[in-house]
PDB file of N, CA and C in Angstrom:
ATOM      1  N   MET A   1      29.262-103.274 105.787  1.00  0.00           N
ATOM      2  CA  MET A   1      29.390-102.643 107.164  1.00  0.00           C
ATOM      3  C   MET A   1      28.453-101.341 106.624  1.00  0.00           C
ATOM      4  N   GLU A   2      27.804-101.042 107.763  1.00  0.00           N
ATOM      5  CA  GLU A   2      26.723 -99.809 107.202  1.00  0.00           C
ATOM      6  C   GLU A   2      27.880 -98.359 107.693  1.00  0.00           C
ATOM      7  N   LYS A   3      27.163 -97.617 106.719  1.00  0.00           N
ATOM      8  CA  LYS A   3      27.867 -96.276 106.823  1.00  0.00           C
ATOM      9  C   LYS A   3      26.605 -94.995 107.342  1.00  0.00           C
ATOM     10  N   TYR A   4      27.442 -94.492 108.189  1.00  0.00           N
ATOM     11  CA  TYR A   4      26.226 -93.467 108.885  1.00  0.00           C
ATOM     12  C   TYR A   4      27.031 -92.004 108.586  1.00  0.00           C
ATOM     13  N   THR A   5      25.980 -90.769 108.266  1.00  0.00           N
ATOM     14  CA  THR A   5      26.429 -89.734 108.015  1.00  0.00           C
ATOM     15  C   THR A   5      26.473 -89.199 109.484  1.00  0.00           C
ATOM     16  N   ASP A   6      27.023 -87.847 109.481  1.00  0.00           N
ATOM     17  CA  ASP A   6      26.999 -87.191 111.094  1.00  0.00           C
ATOM     18  C   ASP A   6      25.482 -86.885 111.091  1.00  0.00           C
ATOM     19  N   GLU A   7      24.780 -86.265 109.847  1.00  0.00           N
ATOM     20  CA  GLU A   7      23.417 -86.028 110.435  1.00  0.00           C
ATOM     21  C   GLU A   7      22.516 -87.164 110.912  1.00  0.00           C
ATOM     22  N   GLU A   8      22.841 -88.068 110.339  1.00  0.00           N
ATOM     23  CA  GLU A   8      22.244 -89.450 110.567  1.00  0.00           C
ATOM     24  C   GLU A   8      22.365 -89.685 112.212  1.00  0.00           C
ATOM     25  N   ILE A   9      23.588 -90.026 112.373  1.00  0.00           N
ATOM     26  CA  ILE A   9      24.082 -90.237 113.899  1.00  0.00           C
ATOM     27  C   ILE A   9      23.227 -88.983 114.946  1.00  0.00           C
ATOM     28  N   ARG A  10      23.254 -87.505 114.469  1.00  0.00           N
ATOM     29  CA  ARG A  10      22.507 -86.565 115.273  1.00  0.00           C
ATOM     30  C   ARG A  10      21.030 -87.050 115.533  1.00  0.00           C
ATOM     31  N   ASN A  11      20.366 -87.606 114.469  1.00  0.00           N
ATOM     32  CA  ASN A  11      19.074 -87.710 114.385  1.00  0.00           C
ATOM     33  C   ASN A  11      18.830 -88.932 115.153  1.00  0.00           C
ATOM     34  N   MET A  12      19.777 -89.825 115.233  1.00  0.00           N
ATOM     35  CA  MET A  12      19.250 -91.167 116.113  1.00  0.00           C
ATOM     36  C   MET A  12      18.550 -90.756 117.397  1.00  0.00           C
ATOM     37  N   LYS A  13      17.665 -91.425 118.101  1.00  0.00           N
ATOM     38  CA  LYS A  13      17.453 -91.325 119.611  1.00  0.00           C
ATOM     39  C   LYS A  13      18.175 -92.044 120.204  1.00  0.00           C
ATOM     40  N   LYS A  14      18.697 -93.325 119.976  1.00  0.00           N
ATOM     41  CA  LYS A  14      19.465 -93.970 120.814  1.00  0.00           C
ATOM     42  C   LYS A  14      20.727 -94.717 119.685  1.00  0.00           C
ATOM     43  N   ILE A  15      21.937 -94.441 119.913  1.00  0.00           N
ATOM     44  CA  ILE A  15      22.953 -94.925 119.620  1.00  0.00           C
ATOM     45  C   ILE A  15      23.623 -96.212 120.102  1.00  0.00           C
ATOM     46  N   THR A  16      23.340 -97.447 119.202  1.00  0.00           N
ATOM     47  CA  THR A  16      24.057 -98.631 120.120  1.00  0.00           C
ATOM     48  C   THR A  16      25.590 -98.626 119.791  1.00  0.00           C
ATOM     49  N   CYS A  17      26.339 -99.487 120.288  1.00  0.00           N
ATOM     50  CA  CYS A  17      27.710 -99.772 120.148  1.00  0.00           C
ATOM     51  C   CYS A  17      27.863-100.328 118.778  1.00  0.00           C
ATOM     52  N   GLN A  18      27.025-100.897 118.497  1.00  0.00           N
ATOM     53  CA  GLN A  18      27.117-101.506 116.978  1.00  0.00           C
ATOM     54  C   GLN A  18      27.009-100.680 115.676  1.00  0.00           C
ATOM     55  N   THR A  19      26.065 -99.664 116.085  1.00  0.00           N
ATOM     56  CA  THR A  19      26.003 -98.316 115.137  1.00  0.00           C
ATOM     57  C   THR A  19      27.293 -97.640 115.388  1.00  0.00           C
ATOM     58  N   ALA A  20      27.626 -97.479 116.552  1.00  0.00           N
ATOM     59  CA  ALA A  20      28.968 -96.620 116.812  1.00  0.00           C
ATOM     60  C   ALA A  20      29.917 -96.945 115.983  1.00  0.00           C
ATOM     61  N   GLY A  21      30.036 -98.419 116.405  1.00  0.00           N
ATOM     62  CA  GLY A  21      31.086 -99.166 115.563  1.00  0.00           C
ATOM     63  C   GLY A  21      31.206 -99.215 114.130  1.00  0.00           C
ATOM     64  N   TYR A  22      30.218 -99.153 113.626  1.00  0.00           N
ATOM     65  CA  TYR A  22      30.008 -99.195 112.122  1.00  0.00           C
ATOM     66  C   TYR A  22      30.622 -97.364 111.560  1.00  0.00           C
ATOM     67  N   TYR A  23      29.997 -96.324 112.608  1.00  0.00           N
ATOM     68  CA  TYR A  23      30.213 -95.136 112.442  1.00  0.00           C
ATOM     69  C   TYR A  23      31.815 -94.983 112.176  1.00  0.00           C
ATOM     70  N   LEU A  24      32.312 -95.471 113.433  1.00  0.00           N
ATOM     71  CA  LEU A  24      34.117 -95.380 113.693  1.00  0.00           C
ATOM     72  C   LEU A  24      35.034 -96.225 112.684  1.00  0.00           C
ATOM     73  N   GLY A  25      34.157 -97.247 112.183  1.00  0.00           N
ATOM     74  CA  GLY A  25      35.051 -98.276 111.457  1.00  0.00           C
ATOM     75  C   GLY A  25      35.706 -99.148 112.452  1.00  0.00           C
ATOM     76  N   ILE A  26      35.112 -99.649 113.618  1.00  0.00           N
ATOM     77  CA  ILE A  26      35.766-100.493 114.294  1.00  0.00           C
ATOM     78  C   ILE A  26      34.698-101.414 114.680  1.00  0.00           C
ATOM     79  N   PRO A  27      35.554-102.681 115.174  1.00  0.00           N
ATOM     80  CA  PRO A  27      34.314-103.680 116.066  1.00  0.00           C
ATOM     81  C   PRO A  27      33.271-102.964 117.420  1.00  0.00           C
ATOM     82  N   PRO A  28      32.213-103.468 117.498  1.00  0.00           N
ATOM     83  CA  PRO A  28      31.190-103.037 118.152  1.00  0.00           C
ATOM     84  C   PRO A  28      32.014-102.967 119.742  1.00  0.00           C
ATOM     85  N   MET A  29      32.619-104.506 119.631  1.00  0.00           N
ATOM     86  CA  MET A  29      33.241-105.191 120.989  1.00  0.00           C
ATOM     87  C   MET A  29      34.502-104.033 121.493  1.00  0.00           C
ATOM     88  N   ALA A  30      34.968-103.213 120.570  1.00  0.00           N
ATOM     89  CA  ALA A  30      36.056-102.458 120.763  1.00  0.00           C
ATOM     90  C   ALA A  30      35.346-101.206 121.346  1.00  0.00           C
ATOM     91  N   VAL A  31      34.300-100.735 120.616  1.00  0.00           N
ATOM     92  CA  VAL A  31      33.136 -99.616 121.365  1.00  0.00           C
ATOM     93  C   VAL A  31      33.009 -99.772 122.674  1.00  0.00           C
ATOM     94  N   SER A  32      32.399-100.723 123.010  1.00  0.00           N
ATOM     95  CA  SER A  32      32.154-101.006 124.186  1.00  0.00           C
ATOM     96  C   SER A  32      32.950-101.656 125.550  1.00  0.00           C
ATOM     97  N   LEU A  33      34.233-101.902 125.140  1.00  0.00           N
ATOM     98  CA  LEU A  33      35.582-102.343 125.844  1.00  0.00           C
ATOM     99  C   LEU A  33      35.979-101.041 126.161  1.00  0.00           C
ATOM    100  N   GLY A  34      35.942-100.187 124.786  1.00  0.00           N
ATOM    101  CA  GLY A  34      36.652 -98.903 124.946  1.00  0.00           C
ATOM    102  C   GLY A  34      35.819 -97.839 126.120  1.00  0.00           C
ATOM    103  N   MET A  35      34.746 -98.121 126.349  1.00  0.00           N
ATOM    104  CA  MET A  35      33.901 -97.332 126.727  1.00  0.00           C
ATOM    105  C   MET A  35      33.835 -97.532 128.219  1.00  0.00           C
ATOM    106  N   ARG A  36      33.966 -98.962 128.488  1.00  0.00           N
ATOM    107  CA  ARG A  36      33.947 -99.759 129.858  1.00  0.00           C
ATOM    108  C   ARG A  36      35.442 -99.233 130.548  1.00  0.00           C
ATOM    109  N   ASN A  37      36.390 -99.007 129.717  1.00  0.00           N
ATOM    110  CA  ASN A  37      37.384 -98.631 130.525  1.00  0.00           C
ATOM    111  C   ASN A  37      37.926 -97.332 130.158  1.00  0.00           C
ATOM    112  N   ASN A  38      37.200 -96.758 130.143  1.00  0.00           N
ATOM    113  CA  ASN A  38      37.252 -95.001 129.685  1.00  0.00           C
ATOM    114  C   ASN A  38      38.306 -94.621 128.744  1.00  0.00           C
ATOM    115  N   LEU A  39      38.398 -95.525 127.691  1.00  0.00           N
ATOM    116  CA  LEU A  39      39.212 -94.947 126.831  1.00  0.00           C
ATOM    117  C   LEU A  39      38.617 -94.558 125.541  1.00  0.00           C
ATOM    118  N   LEU A  40      37.553 -94.713 125.502  1.00  0.00           N
ATOM    119  CA  LEU A  40      36.537 -94.189 124.301  1.00  0.00           C
ATOM    120  C   LEU A  40      35.400 -92.824 124.636  1.00  0.00           C
ATOM    121  N   PRO A  41      35.847 -91.551 124.575  1.00  0.00           N
ATOM    122  CA  PRO A  41      35.113 -90.523 125.455  1.00  0.00           C
ATOM    123  C   PRO A  41      33.887 -90.085 124.633  1.00  0.00           C
ATOM    124  N   ILE A  42      33.122 -90.954 124.209  1.00  0.00           N
ATOM    125  CA  ILE A  42      31.970 -90.831 123.237  1.00  0.00           C
ATOM    126  C   ILE A  42      30.428 -90.910 124.381  1.00  0.00           C
ATOM    127  N   GLY A  43      30.661 -91.193 125.432  1.00  0.00           N
ATOM    128  CA  GLY A  43      29.412 -91.181 126.353  1.00  0.00           C
ATOM    129  C   GLY A  43      29.917 -91.980 127.594  1.00  0.00           C
ATOM    130  N   PHE A  44      28.990 -92.691 128.047  1.00  0.00           N
ATOM    131  CA  PHE A  44      28.935 -93.559 129.383  1.00  0.00           C
ATOM    132  C   PHE A  44      28.627 -94.899 129.336  1.00  0.00           C
ATOM    133  N   ALA A  45      29.262 -95.458 129.869  1.00  0.00           N
ATOM    134  CA  ALA A  45      29.011 -97.104 130.121  1.00  0.00           C
ATOM    135  C   ALA A  45      28.760 -97.626 131.906  1.00  0.00           C
ATOM    136  N   ILE A  46      27.754 -98.088 132.254  1.00  0.00           N
ATOM    137  CA  ILE A  46      27.535 -98.117 133.379  1.00  0.00           C
ATOM    138  C   ILE A  46      27.143 -99.777 133.707  1.00  0.00           C
ATOM    139  N   HIS A  47      28.185-100.141 134.773  1.00  0.00           N
ATOM    140  CA  HIS A  47      27.916-101.390 135.061  1.00  0.00           C
ATOM    141  C   HIS A  47      26.993-101.823 135.951  1.00  0.00           C
ATOM    142  N   ASN A  48      25.812-102.499 135.776  1.00  0.00           N
ATOM    143  CA  ASN A  48      24.732-102.558 136.150  1.00  0.00           C
ATOM    144  C   ASN A  48      25.200-103.985 137.262  1.00  0.00           C
ATOM    145  N   GLU A  49      25.311-103.318 138.632  1.00  0.00           N
ATOM    146  CA  GLU A  49      25.870-104.377 139.610  1.00  0.00           C
ATOM    147  C   GLU A  49      25.015-105.527 139.906  1.00  0.00           C
ATOM    148  N   GLU A  50      23.752-105.565 139.896  1.00  0.00           N
ATOM    149  CA  GLU A  50      22.926-106.741 139.951  1.00  0.00           C
ATOM    150  C   GLU A  50      22.888-107.531 138.939  1.00  0.00           C
ATOM    151  N   LYS A  51      23.367-109.137 139.147  1.00  0.00           N
ATOM    152  CA  LYS A  51      23.563-109.932 138.207  1.00  0.00           C
ATOM    153  C   LYS A  51      22.507-110.704 137.650  1.00  0.00           C
ATOM    154  N   ASP A  52      22.261-111.268 136.521  1.00  0.00           N
ATOM    155  CA  ASP A  52      21.168-111.798 135.871  1.00  0.00           C
ATOM    156  C   ASP A  52      20.803-113.201 136.367  1.00  0.00           C
ATOM    157  N   HIS A  53      20.090-114.102 135.827  1.00  0.00           N
ATOM    158  CA  HIS A  53      20.229-115.589 136.312  1.00  0.00           C
ATOM    159  C   HIS A  53      20.996-116.042 135.842  1.00  0.00           C
ATOM    160  N   SER A  54      21.875-115.975 134.754  1.00  0.00           N
ATOM    161  CA  SER A  54      22.761-116.826 134.354  1.00  0.00           C
ATOM    162  C   SER A  54      23.992-116.150 135.278  1.00  0.00           C
ATOM    163  N   PHE A  55      24.067-114.977 136.072  1.00  0.00           N
ATOM    164  CA  PHE A  55      25.457-114.647 136.380  1.00  0.00           C
ATOM    165  C   PHE A  55      26.295-114.204 135.781  1.00  0.00           C
ATOM    166  N   SER A  56      26.240-113.453 134.896  1.00  0.00           N
ATOM    167  CA  SER A  56      26.836-112.625 133.683  1.00  0.00           C
ATOM    168  C   SER A  56      26.691-111.403 134.171  1.00  0.00           C
ATOM    169  N   GLU A  57      27.728-110.580 133.310  1.00  0.00           N
ATOM    170  CA  GLU A  57      27.751-108.856 134.148  1.00  0.00           C
ATOM    171  C   GLU A  57      27.038-108.293 132.816  1.00  0.00           C
ATOM    172  N   SER A  58      26.276-107.082 133.506  1.00  0.00           N
ATOM    173  CA  SER A  58      25.755-106.160 132.519  1.00  0.00           C
ATOM    174  C   SER A  58      25.946-104.901 132.482  1.00  0.00           C
ATOM    175  N   TRP A  59      25.993-104.244 131.398  1.00  0.00           N
ATOM    176  CA  TRP A  59      26.573-102.840 131.026  1.00  0.00           C
ATOM    177  C   TRP A  59      25.604-102.555 130.166  1.00  0.00           C
ATOM    178  N   SER A  60      25.262-101.153 130.329  1.00  0.00           N
ATOM    179  CA  SER A  60      24.694-100.364 129.834  1.00  0.00           C
ATOM    180  C   SER A  60      25.221 -99.179 129.233  1.00  0.00           C
ATOM    181  N   TYR A  61      25.131 -98.475 127.971  1.00  0.00           N
ATOM    182  CA  TYR A  61      25.876 -97.749 127.166  1.00  0.00           C
ATOM    183  C   TYR A  61      25.010 -96.244 127.190  1.00  0.00           C
ATOM    184  N   TYR A  62      25.344 -95.273 126.813  1.00  0.00           N
ATOM    185  CA  TYR A  62      24.663 -94.270 126.362  1.00  0.00           C
ATOM    186  C   TYR A  62      25.803 -93.209 125.643  1.00  0.00           C
ATOM    187  N   ILE A  63      25.623 -93.606 124.322  1.00  0.00           N
ATOM    188  CA  ILE A  63      26.465 -92.773 123.428  1.00  0.00           C
ATOM    189  C   ILE A  63      25.938 -91.371 123.038  1.00  0.00           C
ATOM    190  N   VAL A  64      26.909 -90.473 123.317  1.00  0.00           N
ATOM    191  CA  VAL A  64      26.094 -89.099 123.173  1.00  0.00           C
ATOM    192  C   VAL A  64      26.687 -88.672 121.620  1.00  0.00           C
ATOM    193  N   ALA A  65      25.402 -88.286 120.609  1.00  0.00           N
ATOM    194  CA  ALA A  65      25.807 -88.045 119.475  1.00  0.00           C
ATOM    195  C   ALA A  65      27.170 -87.141 118.810  1.00  0.00           C
ATOM    196  N   GLU A  66      26.981 -85.667 119.828  1.00  0.00           N
ATOM    197  CA  GLU A  66      27.757 -84.847 119.357  1.00  0.00           C
ATOM    198  C   GLU A  66      29.340 -85.168 119.763  1.00  0.00           C
ATOM    199  N   ARG A  67      29.486 -86.122 121.142  1.00  0.00           N
ATOM    200  CA  ARG A  67      30.736 -87.108 121.523  1.00  0.00           C
ATOM    201  C   ARG A  67      31.495 -87.478 120.268  1.00  0.00           C
ATOM    202  N   LEU A  68      30.394 -88.363 119.938  1.00  0.00           N
ATOM    203  CA  LEU A  68      30.719 -89.653 118.766  1.00  0.00           C
ATOM    204  C   LEU A  68      31.219 -88.840 117.420  1.00  0.00           C
ATOM    205  N   ILE A  69      30.717 -87.847 117.115  1.00  0.00           N
ATOM    206  CA  ILE A  69      31.017 -86.856 115.686  1.00  0.00           C
ATOM    207  C   ILE A  69      32.166 -86.287 115.949  1.00  0.00           C
ATOM    208  N   ALA A  70      32.660 -85.744 117.567  1.00  0.00           N
ATOM    209  CA  ALA A  70      33.601 -85.099 117.529  1.00  0.00           C
ATOM    210  C   ALA A  70      35.020 -85.935 117.423  1.00  0.00           C
ATOM    211  N   TYR A  71      34.417 -86.920 118.321  1.00  0.00           N
ATOM    212  CA  TYR A  71      35.648 -87.838 118.405  1.00  0.00           C
ATOM    213  C   TYR A  71      36.007 -88.497 116.746  1.00  0.00           C
ATOM    214  N   LYS A  72      35.280 -88.523 115.991  1.00  0.00           N
ATOM    215  CA  LYS A  72      35.760 -89.248 114.865  1.00  0.00           C
ATOM    216  C   LYS A  72      36.716 -88.316 114.213  1.00  0.00           C
ATOM    217  N   HIS A  73      36.171 -86.903 113.966  1.00  0.00           N
ATOM    218  CA  HIS A  73      36.712 -85.797 113.485  1.00  0.00           C
ATOM    219  C   HIS A  73      37.934 -85.302 114.233  1.00  0.00           C
ATOM    220  N   GLY A  74      38.055 -86.260 115.011  1.00  0.00           N
ATOM    221  CA  GLY A  74      39.256 -85.611 115.936  1.00  0.00           C
ATOM    222  C   GLY A  74      39.379 -84.476 116.696  1.00  0.00           C
ATOM    223  N   ARG A  75      38.210 -83.873 117.183  1.00  0.00           N
ATOM    224  CA  ARG A  75      37.743 -82.552 117.784  1.00  0.00           C
ATOM    225  C   ARG A  75      37.337 -82.669 119.378  1.00  0.00           C
ATOM    226  N   ILE A  76      37.760 -83.608 119.477  1.00  0.00           N
ATOM    227  CA  ILE A  76      37.438 -83.776 121.078  1.00  0.00           C
ATOM    228  C   ILE A  76      38.775 -83.648 122.261  1.00  0.00           C
ATOM    229  N   THR A  77      38.739 -83.371 123.217  1.00  0.00           N
ATOM    230  CA  THR A  77      39.743 -83.354 124.071  1.00  0.00           C
ATOM    231  C   THR A  77      39.140 -83.869 125.478  1.00  0.00           C
ATOM    232  N   GLU A  78      39.927 -84.456 126.226  1.00  0.00           N
ATOM    233  CA  GLU A  78      39.517 -84.932 127.642  1.00  0.00           C
ATOM    234  C   GLU A  78      38.993 -83.295 128.335  1.00  0.00           C
ATOM    235  N   VAL A  79      39.885 -82.641 128.174  1.00  0.00           N
ATOM    236  CA  VAL A  79      39.552 -81.333 129.004  1.00  0.00           C
ATOM    237  C   VAL A  79      38.325 -81.218 128.824  1.00  0.00           C
ATOM    238  N   GLN A  80      37.768 -80.907 127.306  1.00  0.00           N
ATOM    239  CA  GLN A  80      36.092 -80.654 126.883  1.00  0.00           C
ATOM    240  C   GLN A  80      35.311 -81.311 127.962  1.00  0.00           C
ATOM    241  N   ILE A  81      35.894 -82.667 127.728  1.00  0.00           N
ATOM    242  CA  ILE A  81      34.682 -83.967 128.354  1.00  0.00           C
ATOM    243  C   ILE A  81      34.412 -83.418 129.660  1.00  0.00           C
ATOM    244  N   GLN A  82      35.661 -83.088 130.343  1.00  0.00           N
ATOM    245  CA  GLN A  82      35.774 -83.512 131.865  1.00  0.00           C
ATOM    246  C   GLN A  82      35.009 -81.752 132.338  1.00  0.00           C
ATOM    247  N   ASN A  83      34.835 -80.720 131.641  1.00  0.00           N
ATOM    248  CA  ASN A  83      33.903 -79.605 131.836  1.00  0.00           C
ATOM    249  C   ASN A  83      32.564 -79.649 131.284  1.00  0.00           C
ATOM    250  N   VAL A  84      32.127 -80.599 130.170  1.00  0.00           N
ATOM    251  CA  VAL A  84      30.786 -80.686 130.031  1.00  0.00           C
ATOM    252  C   VAL A  84      30.196 -81.795 131.362  1.00  0.00           C
ATOM    253  N   GLU A  85      31.068 -82.778 131.685  1.00  0.00           N
ATOM    254  CA  GLU A  85      30.450 -83.681 132.781  1.00  0.00           C
ATOM    255  C   GLU A  85      30.489 -83.027 134.124  1.00  0.00           C
ATOM    256  N   LYS A  86      31.500 -81.736 134.403  1.00  0.00           N
ATOM    257  CA  LYS A  86      31.084 -81.144 135.614  1.00  0.00           C
ATOM    258  C   LYS A  86      29.633 -80.503 135.662  1.00  0.00           C
ATOM    259  N   SER A  87      29.603 -79.605 134.384  1.00  0.00           N
ATOM    260  CA  SER A  87      28.300 -78.883 134.163  1.00  0.00           C
ATOM    261  C   SER A  87      27.394 -79.469 134.174  1.00  0.00           C
ATOM    262  N   LEU A  88      26.982 -81.170 133.652  1.00  0.00           N
ATOM    263  CA  LEU A  88      26.091 -81.851 133.901  1.00  0.00           C
ATOM    264  C   LEU A  88      25.905 -82.351 135.312  1.00  0.00           C
ATOM    265  N   THR A  89      27.086 -82.449 136.225  1.00  0.00           N
ATOM    266  CA  THR A  89      26.687 -82.906 137.602  1.00  0.00           C
ATOM    267  C   THR A  89      26.282 -81.889 138.210  1.00  0.00           C
ATOM    268  N   GLU A  90      26.443 -80.527 137.929  1.00  0.00           N
ATOM    269  CA  GLU A  90      25.927 -79.703 138.636  1.00  0.00           C
ATOM    270  C   GLU A  90      24.234 -79.385 138.042  1.00  0.00           C
ATOM    271  N   ILE A  91      24.064 -79.442 136.836  1.00  0.00           N
ATOM    272  CA  ILE A  91      22.651 -79.231 136.429  1.00  0.00           C
ATOM    273  C   ILE A  91      21.890 -80.618 137.425  1.00  0.00           C
ATOM    274  N   ILE A  92      22.210 -81.754 137.278  1.00  0.00           N
ATOM    275  CA  ILE A  92      21.752 -82.691 137.923  1.00  0.00           C
ATOM    276  C   ILE A  92      21.687 -82.470 139.551  1.00  0.00           C
ATOM    277  N   LYS A  93      22.477 -81.730 140.442  1.00  0.00           N
ATOM    278  CA  LYS A  93      22.306 -81.353 141.633  1.00  0.00           C
ATOM    279  C   LYS A  93      21.210 -80.723 141.679  1.00  0.00           C
ATOM    280  N   GLN A  94      20.972 -79.617 140.824  1.00  0.00           N
ATOM    281  CA  GLN A  94      20.277 -78.711 140.756  1.00  0.00           C
ATOM    282  C   GLN A  94      18.662 -78.969 140.538  1.00  0.00           C
ATOM    283  N   PHE A  95      18.568 -80.180 139.913  1.00  0.00           N
ATOM    284  CA  PHE A  95      17.678 -80.547 139.529  1.00  0.00           C
ATOM    285  C   PHE A  95      16.849 -81.278 140.909  1.00  0.00           C
ATOM    286  N   GLU A  96      17.849 -82.431 141.218  1.00  0.00           N
ATOM    287  CA  GLU A  96      17.642 -83.042 142.371  1.00  0.00           C
ATOM    288  C   GLU A  96      16.811 -82.281 143.498  1.00  0.00           C
ATOM    289  N   SER A  97      17.706 -80.765 143.872  1.00  0.00           N
ATOM    290  CA  SER A  97      17.085 -79.687 144.856  1.00  0.00           C
ATOM    291  C   SER A  97      15.566 -79.306 144.130  1.00  0.00           C
ATOM    292  N   LEU A  98      15.544 -79.069 143.236  1.00  0.00           N
ATOM    293  CA  LEU A  98      13.926 -78.461 142.445  1.00  0.00           C
ATOM    294  C   LEU A  98      13.137 -79.731 142.671  1.00  0.00           C
ATOM    295  N   LYS A  99      13.841 -81.104 142.666  1.00  0.00           N
ATOM    296  CA  LYS A  99      12.564 -82.041 142.597  1.00  0.00           C
ATOM    297  C   LYS A  99      12.061 -82.103 144.223  1.00  0.00           C
ATOM    298  N   SER A 100      13.344 -82.023 145.007  1.00  0.00           N
ATOM    299  CA  SER A 100      12.969 -82.057 146.614  1.00  0.00           C
ATOM    300  C   SER A 100      11.999 -81.046 146.967  1.00  0.00           C
ATOM    301  N   GLU A 101      12.413 -79.787 146.727  1.00  0.00           N
ATOM    302  CA  GLU A 101      11.217 -78.843 147.108  1.00  0.00           C
ATOM    303  C   GLU A 101       9.855 -78.818 146.383  1.00  0.00           C
ATOM    304  N   LEU A 102       9.676 -79.262 145.017  1.00  0.00           N
ATOM    305  CA  LEU A 102       8.345 -79.569 144.342  1.00  0.00           C
ATOM    306  C   LEU A 102       7.729 -80.777 145.171  1.00  0.00           C
ATOM    307  N   VAL A 103       8.318 -81.630 145.536  1.00  0.00           N
ATOM    308  CA  VAL A 103       7.819 -82.741 146.311  1.00  0.00           C
ATOM    309  C   VAL A 103       7.246 -82.322 147.611  1.00  0.00           C
ATOM    310  N   PHE A 104       8.133 -81.596 148.370  1.00  0.00           N
ATOM    311  CA  PHE A 104       7.609 -81.054 149.799  1.00  0.00           C
ATOM    312  C   PHE A 104       6.352 -80.120 149.340  1.00  0.00           C
ATOM    313  N   ILE A 105       6.501 -79.248 148.505  1.00  0.00           N
ATOM    314  CA  ILE A 105       5.391 -78.226 148.258  1.00  0.00           C
ATOM    315  C   ILE A 105       4.079 -79.239 147.959  1.00  0.00           C
ATOM    316  N   LEU A 106       4.222 -80.185 147.306  1.00  0.00           N
ATOM    317  CA  LEU A 106       3.006 -80.962 146.877  1.00  0.00           C
ATOM    318  C   LEU A 106       2.639 -81.722 147.792  1.00  0.00           C
ATOM    319  N   SER A 107       3.493 -82.136 148.787  1.00  0.00           N
ATOM    320  CA  SER A 107       3.324 -82.848 149.901  1.00  0.00           C
ATOM    321  C   SER A 107       2.304 -81.851 150.881  1.00  0.00           C
ATOM    322  N   GLU A 108       2.692 -80.667 151.323  1.00  0.00           N
ATOM    323  CA  GLU A 108       2.203 -79.655 151.852  1.00  0.00           C
ATOM    324  C   GLU A 108       0.750 -79.489 151.413  1.00  0.00           C
ATOM    325  N   SER A 109       0.554 -79.179 149.942  1.00  0.00           N
ATOM    326  CA  SER A 109      -0.899 -78.788 149.498  1.00  0.00           C
ATOM    327  C   SER A 109      -1.733 -80.071 149.368  1.00  0.00           C
ATOM    328  N   ALA A 110      -1.344 -81.072 149.723  1.00  0.00           N
ATOM    329  CA  ALA A 110      -2.118 -82.239 149.498  1.00  0.00           C
ATOM    330  C   ALA A 110      -2.883 -82.475 151.149  1.00  0.00           C
ATOM    331  N   GLU A 111      -1.837 -81.818 152.179  1.00  0.00           N
ATOM    332  CA  GLU A 111      -2.514 -82.456 153.466  1.00  0.00           C
ATOM    333  C   GLU A 111      -3.667 -81.306 153.647  1.00  0.00           C
TER     334      GLU A 111
END
């Protein structure tokens, strides 16, 4: 099993379930199942509703480096995660509003 340092994890552009598993010392399948069932608070597991040609389920994972590092070192709590998620939700709402306003302004100037 490969070993990763905290700094290597921070510098990765994308962290896979396999990498997270190596980092935490658990099987990659345990990472994916833990994320799917909201038992491993290191990121987001997104179920893709559309099924591919083989009719198998498809999941996408987004692992947040700082959450992964904090989890490994026992410094993450559910309350902290909920606060971060609330903040992210508010930022996304504000971004969507700004995007709508920008689209309106651009459509006005195009006419």
